[in-house]
């Protein structure tokens, strides 16, 4: 999907901009939590 097509779609459906932002925010938080969960401390 090109940038102009996406911009046109979001202009026609403004609520989807908020939905996309929320989904990206949740994915970012989930990725950080998964990365922190698998951290291992190796040592004696």
N, C-alpha and C. Protein backbone atom coordinates (compact mmCIF):
# COMPACT_ATOMS: atom_id res chain seq x y z
N UNK A 1 0.85 -1.16 0.00
CA UNK A 1 0.00 0.00 0.00
C UNK A 1 0.91 1.23 0.00
N UNK A 2 0.70 2.11 -0.93
CA UNK A 2 1.55 3.29 -1.03
C UNK A 2 1.16 4.32 0.03
N UNK A 3 2.04 5.31 0.21
CA UNK A 3 1.79 6.33 1.23
C UNK A 3 0.54 7.15 0.92
N UNK A 4 0.34 7.48 -0.36
CA UNK A 4 -0.82 8.29 -0.70
C UNK A 4 -2.11 7.51 -0.50
N UNK A 5 -2.07 6.21 -0.77
CA UNK A 5 -3.25 5.38 -0.55
C UNK A 5 -3.58 5.29 0.93
N UNK A 6 -2.56 5.12 1.75
CA UNK A 6 -2.77 5.05 3.20
C UNK A 6 -3.29 6.38 3.73
N UNK A 7 -2.72 7.48 3.25
CA UNK A 7 -3.18 8.80 3.69
C UNK A 7 -4.62 9.04 3.29
N UNK A 8 -4.99 8.61 2.09
CA UNK A 8 -6.37 8.76 1.64
C UNK A 8 -7.31 7.93 2.49
N UNK A 9 -6.90 6.69 2.78
CA UNK A 9 -7.73 5.81 3.60
C UNK A 9 -7.95 6.41 4.99
N UNK A 10 -6.87 6.91 5.60
CA UNK A 10 -6.99 7.48 6.94
C UNK A 10 -7.79 8.78 6.93
N UNK A 11 -7.72 9.52 5.83
CA UNK A 11 -8.54 10.73 5.73
C UNK A 11 -10.02 10.39 5.66
N UNK A 12 -10.34 9.26 5.02
CA UNK A 12 -11.73 8.83 4.91
C UNK A 12 -12.22 8.13 6.17
N UNK A 13 -11.30 7.55 6.94
CA UNK A 13 -11.65 6.82 8.16
C UNK A 13 -10.77 7.33 9.31
N UNK A 14 -11.08 8.49 9.86
CA UNK A 14 -10.20 9.08 10.88
C UNK A 14 -10.10 8.26 12.16
N UNK A 15 -11.09 7.47 12.47
CA UNK A 15 -11.03 6.66 13.69
C UNK A 15 -9.96 5.58 13.59
N UNK A 16 -9.68 5.13 12.36
CA UNK A 16 -8.66 4.10 12.17
C UNK A 16 -7.27 4.60 12.52
N UNK A 17 -7.03 5.90 12.45
CA UNK A 17 -5.72 6.45 12.85
C UNK A 17 -5.48 6.16 14.33
N UNK A 18 -6.50 6.36 15.15
CA UNK A 18 -6.38 6.05 16.57
C UNK A 18 -6.21 4.58 16.84
N UNK A 19 -6.92 3.76 16.07
CA UNK A 19 -6.81 2.31 16.23
C UNK A 19 -5.40 1.84 15.87
N UNK A 20 -4.87 2.33 14.76
CA UNK A 20 -3.51 1.95 14.36
C UNK A 20 -2.48 2.40 15.38
N UNK A 21 -2.65 3.61 15.92
CA UNK A 21 -1.73 4.10 16.94
C UNK A 21 -1.77 3.21 18.18
N UNK A 22 -2.98 2.84 18.60
CA UNK A 22 -3.12 2.00 19.79
C UNK A 22 -2.52 0.63 19.59
N UNK A 23 -2.74 0.05 18.42
CA UNK A 23 -2.17 -1.28 18.13
C UNK A 23 -0.66 -1.23 18.13
N UNK A 24 -0.08 -0.21 17.50
CA UNK A 24 1.37 -0.09 17.49
C UNK A 24 1.93 0.14 18.90
N UNK A 25 1.21 0.91 19.70
CA UNK A 25 1.65 1.14 21.08
C UNK A 25 1.63 -0.17 21.88
N UNK A 26 0.58 -0.95 21.73
CA UNK A 26 0.49 -2.23 22.45
C UNK A 26 1.56 -3.21 21.98
N UNK A 27 1.83 -3.24 20.68
CA UNK A 27 2.87 -4.13 20.17
C UNK A 27 4.25 -3.72 20.70
N UNK A 28 4.48 -2.44 20.81
CA UNK A 28 5.76 -1.97 21.35
C UNK A 28 5.90 -2.40 22.81
N UNK A 29 4.84 -2.23 23.58
CA UNK A 29 4.89 -2.62 25.00
C UNK A 29 5.06 -4.13 25.15
N UNK A 30 4.38 -4.90 24.32
CA UNK A 30 4.49 -6.36 24.40
C UNK A 30 5.90 -6.82 24.02
N UNK A 31 6.49 -6.17 23.03
CA UNK A 31 7.85 -6.53 22.63
C UNK A 31 8.85 -6.24 23.73
N UNK A 32 8.70 -5.10 24.38
CA UNK A 32 9.61 -4.77 25.48
C UNK A 32 9.44 -5.73 26.65
N UNK A 33 8.22 -6.11 26.94
CA UNK A 33 7.98 -7.05 28.05
C UNK A 33 8.55 -8.43 27.72
N UNK A 34 8.40 -8.87 26.48
CA UNK A 34 8.94 -10.18 26.09
C UNK A 34 10.46 -10.17 26.13
N UNK A 35 11.07 -9.08 25.73
CA UNK A 35 12.53 -8.99 25.75
C UNK A 35 13.05 -8.97 27.18
N UNK A 36 12.36 -8.28 28.07
CA UNK A 36 12.80 -8.21 29.46
C UNK A 36 12.58 -9.54 30.18
N UNK A 37 11.56 -10.29 29.76
CA UNK A 37 11.25 -11.56 30.41
C UNK A 37 12.31 -12.61 30.11
N UNK A 38 12.96 -12.54 28.96
CA UNK A 38 13.93 -13.56 28.57
C UNK A 38 15.37 -13.18 28.93
N UNK A 39 15.54 -12.12 29.66
CA UNK A 39 16.89 -11.73 30.06
C UNK A 39 17.41 -12.70 31.11
N UNK A 40 18.59 -13.20 30.89
CA UNK A 40 19.19 -14.14 31.82
C UNK A 40 20.46 -13.54 32.43
N UNK A 41 20.66 -13.79 33.67
CA UNK A 41 21.86 -13.33 34.34
C UNK A 41 22.79 -14.55 34.48
N UNK A 42 23.90 -14.47 33.78
CA UNK A 42 24.82 -15.60 33.88
C UNK A 42 26.01 -15.18 34.73
N UNK A 43 26.41 -16.06 35.57
CA UNK A 43 27.52 -15.76 36.45
C UNK A 43 27.79 -16.94 37.36
N UNK A 44 28.67 -16.76 38.28
CA UNK A 44 29.03 -17.88 39.18
C UNK A 44 27.93 -18.26 40.14
